[in-house]
Amino acid sequence: MARHDINIRALSIADTSDFGILRLIVNDPEKAYRVLKNAGFTVSLTQVLGVEMPDRPGGLSRVLDILEEKGINIEYLYAFIGRGGEEALVIFRVEDLDRAIQVLQSRQIPLLTEEKAYSL
């Protein structure tokens, strides 16, 4: 990834007895896909949802409560602190992305733009 100027912003590793799963948030997903595919890895692109919330107790809970209230299941998430330390950023993989976006926007939850996510 480094040789191709791809910056990893977040990652998660999980394994089973037969294989491992590496999930990456990178600054250039399309390029990372091509590089990994060309290197012989099994690769897929997955759409996720970025959410900004206050970095204080209850910040994540509010978002989780909204998603639960609407029956939107979370498959996995990445959480990290913004550079300024005032906001937390959470990247969600949800079952119904379009509905999750609509629900969170209707509750004035700030969504993370692709540009901001890639520039972290």
C-alpha atoms as a PDB file:
ATOM      1  CA  MET A   1       0.000   0.000   0.000  1.00  0.00           C
ATOM      2  CA  ALA A   2       2.792   2.418   0.910  1.00  0.00           C
ATOM      3  CA  ARG A   3       4.559   1.836  -2.417  1.00  0.00           C
ATOM      4  CA  HIS A   4       1.373   2.954  -4.166  1.00  0.00           C
ATOM      5  CA  ASP A   5       0.866   6.025  -1.940  1.00  0.00           C
ATOM      6  CA  ILE A   6      -2.253   4.581  -0.317  1.00  0.00           C
ATOM      7  CA  ASN A   7      -2.765   5.776   3.237  1.00  0.00           C
ATOM      8  CA  ILE A   8      -4.608   3.463   5.632  1.00  0.00           C
ATOM      9  CA  ARG A   9      -6.914   5.535   7.866  1.00  0.00           C
ATOM     10  CA  ALA A  10      -8.407   2.685   9.901  1.00  0.00           C
ATOM     11  CA  LEU A  11      -8.281  -1.091   9.870  1.00  0.00           C
ATOM     12  CA  SER A  12      -9.810  -4.132  11.454  1.00  0.00           C
ATOM     13  CA  ILE A  13      -8.555  -7.705  11.386  1.00  0.00           C
ATOM     14  CA  ALA A  14     -10.664 -10.768  12.119  1.00  0.00           C
ATOM     15  CA  ASP A  15      -9.805 -14.390  11.584  1.00  0.00           C
ATOM     16  CA  THR A  16     -11.473 -17.760  11.409  1.00  0.00           C
ATOM     17  CA  SER A  17      -9.919 -21.204  11.321  1.00  0.00           C
ATOM     18  CA  ASP A  18      -9.840 -21.041   7.510  1.00  0.00           C
ATOM     19  CA  PHE A  19      -9.082 -17.436   6.569  1.00  0.00           C
ATOM     20  CA  GLY A  20      -8.693 -13.872   7.787  1.00  0.00           C
ATOM     21  CA  ILE A  21     -10.598 -10.723   6.970  1.00  0.00           C
ATOM     22  CA  LEU A  22      -8.822  -7.392   6.774  1.00  0.00           C
ATOM     23  CA  ARG A  23     -11.082  -4.364   6.521  1.00  0.00           C
ATOM     24  CA  LEU A  24      -9.488  -1.066   5.562  1.00  0.00           C
ATOM     25  CA  ILE A  25     -10.515   2.556   5.381  1.00  0.00           C
ATOM     26  CA  VAL A  26      -8.076   4.168   2.947  1.00  0.00           C
ATOM     27  CA  ASN A  27      -7.617   7.517   1.231  1.00  0.00           C
ATOM     28  CA  ASP A  28      -8.192   6.034  -2.245  1.00  0.00           C
ATOM     29  CA  PRO A  29     -10.486   2.972  -2.171  1.00  0.00           C
ATOM     30  CA  GLU A  30     -10.558   2.362  -5.943  1.00  0.00           C
ATOM     31  CA  LYS A  31      -6.770   2.402  -6.196  1.00  0.00           C
ATOM     32  CA  ALA A  32      -6.408   0.179  -3.117  1.00  0.00           C
ATOM     33  CA  TYR A  33      -8.873  -2.276  -4.656  1.00  0.00           C
ATOM     34  CA  ARG A  34      -6.823  -2.510  -7.859  1.00  0.00           C
ATOM     35  CA  VAL A  35      -3.500  -2.843  -6.013  1.00  0.00           C
ATOM     36  CA  LEU A  36      -4.763  -5.605  -3.725  1.00  0.00           C
ATOM     37  CA  LYS A  37      -6.573  -7.425  -6.544  1.00  0.00           C
ATOM     38  CA  ASN A  38      -3.458  -7.326  -8.717  1.00  0.00           C
ATOM     39  CA  ALA A  39      -1.451  -8.731  -5.795  1.00  0.00           C
ATOM     40  CA  GLY A  40      -3.737 -11.780  -5.748  1.00  0.00           C
ATOM     41  CA  PHE A  41      -5.964 -10.956  -2.779  1.00  0.00           C
ATOM     42  CA  THR A  42      -9.707 -11.552  -2.713  1.00  0.00           C
ATOM     43  CA  VAL A  43     -11.050  -7.997  -2.496  1.00  0.00           C
ATOM     44  CA  SER A  44     -14.392  -6.253  -2.349  1.00  0.00           C
ATOM     45  CA  LEU A  45     -15.515  -2.666  -1.922  1.00  0.00           C
ATOM     46  CA  THR A  46     -18.174  -2.020   0.697  1.00  0.00           C
ATOM     47  CA  GLN A  47     -20.194   1.126   1.206  1.00  0.00           C
ATOM     48  CA  VAL A  48     -20.096   2.460   4.734  1.00  0.00           C
ATOM     49  CA  LEU A  49     -21.543   5.433   6.583  1.00  0.00           C
ATOM     50  CA  GLY A  50     -19.407   7.975   8.437  1.00  0.00           C
ATOM     51  CA  VAL A  51     -20.876   9.848  11.384  1.00  0.00           C
ATOM     52  CA  GLU A  52     -19.447  12.723  13.414  1.00  0.00           C
ATOM     53  CA  MET A  53     -20.426  13.023  17.058  1.00  0.00           C
ATOM     54  CA  PRO A  54     -19.233  14.866  20.131  1.00  0.00           C
ATOM     55  CA  ASP A  55     -16.303  13.166  21.843  1.00  0.00           C
ATOM     56  CA  ARG A  56     -18.007  12.959  25.217  1.00  0.00           C
ATOM     57  CA  PRO A  57     -19.973  10.403  27.210  1.00  0.00           C
ATOM     58  CA  GLY A  58     -23.230   9.593  25.423  1.00  0.00           C
ATOM     59  CA  GLY A  59     -22.112  10.768  21.966  1.00  0.00           C
ATOM     60  CA  LEU A  60     -22.131   7.288  20.447  1.00  0.00           C
ATOM     61  CA  SER A  61     -25.108   6.184  22.521  1.00  0.00           C
ATOM     62  CA  ARG A  62     -27.345   8.796  20.878  1.00  0.00           C
ATOM     63  CA  VAL A  63     -26.553   7.496  17.391  1.00  0.00           C
ATOM     64  CA  LEU A  64     -26.923   3.862  18.437  1.00  0.00           C
ATOM     65  CA  ASP A  65     -30.289   4.614  20.049  1.00  0.00           C
ATOM     66  CA  ILE A  66     -31.555   6.245  16.850  1.00  0.00           C
ATOM     67  CA  LEU A  67     -30.485   3.294  14.714  1.00  0.00           C
ATOM     68  CA  GLU A  68     -31.972   0.805  17.175  1.00  0.00           C
ATOM     69  CA  GLU A  69     -35.246   2.741  17.357  1.00  0.00           C
ATOM     70  CA  LYS A  70     -35.596   2.422  13.573  1.00  0.00           C
ATOM     71  CA  GLY A  71     -34.528  -1.231  13.485  1.00  0.00           C
ATOM     72  CA  ILE A  72     -31.337  -0.572  11.511  1.00  0.00           C
ATOM     73  CA  ASN A  73     -28.798  -3.313  12.206  1.00  0.00           C
ATOM     74  CA  ILE A  74     -25.092  -2.559  12.445  1.00  0.00           C
ATOM     75  CA  GLU A  75     -22.833  -5.187  10.920  1.00  0.00           C
ATOM     76  CA  TYR A  76     -19.599  -3.618  12.181  1.00  0.00           C
ATOM     77  CA  LEU A  77     -18.029  -0.244  12.911  1.00  0.00           C
ATOM     78  CA  TYR A  78     -14.754   1.611  13.263  1.00  0.00           C
ATOM     79  CA  ALA A  79     -14.427   4.388  15.826  1.00  0.00           C
ATOM     80  CA  PHE A  80     -11.677   6.947  16.226  1.00  0.00           C
ATOM     81  CA  ILE A  81     -11.038  10.461  17.497  1.00  0.00           C
ATOM     82  CA  GLY A  82     -10.698  13.408  15.123  1.00  0.00           C
ATOM     83  CA  ARG A  83      -7.430  15.292  14.935  1.00  0.00           C
ATOM     84  CA  GLY A  84      -8.698  18.129  17.065  1.00  0.00           C
ATOM     85  CA  GLY A  85      -9.911  15.759  19.763  1.00  0.00           C
ATOM     86  CA  GLU A  86     -13.303  17.488  19.916  1.00  0.00           C
ATOM     87  CA  GLU A  87     -15.235  15.056  17.770  1.00  0.00           C
ATOM     88  CA  ALA A  88     -15.403  11.315  17.470  1.00  0.00           C
ATOM     89  CA  LEU A  89     -15.760   9.725  14.084  1.00  0.00           C
ATOM     90  CA  VAL A  90     -17.514   6.413  13.606  1.00  0.00           C
ATOM     91  CA  ILE A  91     -17.692   4.481  10.370  1.00  0.00           C
ATOM     92  CA  PHE A  92     -20.673   2.099  10.274  1.00  0.00           C
ATOM     93  CA  ARG A  93     -21.482  -0.805   8.003  1.00  0.00           C
ATOM     94  CA  VAL A  94     -25.260  -1.129   8.234  1.00  0.00           C
ATOM     95  CA  GLU A  95     -27.782  -3.419   6.543  1.00  0.00           C
ATOM     96  CA  ASP A  96     -29.823  -0.591   5.022  1.00  0.00           C
ATOM     97  CA  LEU A  97     -27.441   2.236   4.136  1.00  0.00           C
ATOM     98  CA  ASP A  98     -29.943   4.531   2.403  1.00  0.00           C
ATOM     99  CA  ARG A  99     -32.426   4.267   5.258  1.00  0.00           C
ATOM    100  CA  ALA A 100     -29.697   4.864   7.864  1.00  0.00           C
ATOM    101  CA  ILE A 101     -28.607   8.023   6.030  1.00  0.00           C
ATOM    102  CA  GLN A 102     -32.181   9.282   5.862  1.00  0.00           C
ATOM    103  CA  VAL A 103     -32.857   8.551   9.549  1.00  0.00           C
ATOM    104  CA  LEU A 104     -29.648  10.159  10.808  1.00  0.00           C
ATOM    105  CA  GLN A 105     -30.036  13.233   8.624  1.00  0.00           C
ATOM    106  CA  SER A 106     -33.608  13.679   9.851  1.00  0.00           C
ATOM    107  CA  ARG A 107     -32.202  13.805  13.406  1.00  0.00           C
ATOM    108  CA  GLN A 108     -29.490  16.329  12.432  1.00  0.00           C
ATOM    109  CA  ILE A 109     -26.653  13.851  12.998  1.00  0.00           C
ATOM    110  CA  PRO A 110     -23.649  15.132  10.992  1.00  0.00           C
ATOM    111  CA  LEU A 111     -22.549  12.638   8.357  1.00  0.00           C
ATOM    112  CA  LEU A 112     -18.938  12.411   7.294  1.00  0.00           C
ATOM    113  CA  THR A 113     -18.349  13.270   3.648  1.00  0.00           C
ATOM    114  CA  GLU A 114     -16.102  11.068   1.526  1.00  0.00           C
ATOM    115  CA  GLU A 115     -13.687  13.953   1.105  1.00  0.00           C
ATOM    116  CA  LYS A 116     -13.343  14.454   4.850  1.00  0.00           C
ATOM    117  CA  ALA A 117     -12.986  10.730   5.516  1.00  0.00           C
ATOM    118  CA  TYR A 118     -10.221  10.386   2.927  1.00  0.00           C
ATOM    119  CA  SER A 119      -8.358  13.420   4.259  1.00  0.00           C
ATOM    120  CA  LEU A 120      -8.257  12.332   7.919  1.00  0.00           C
END
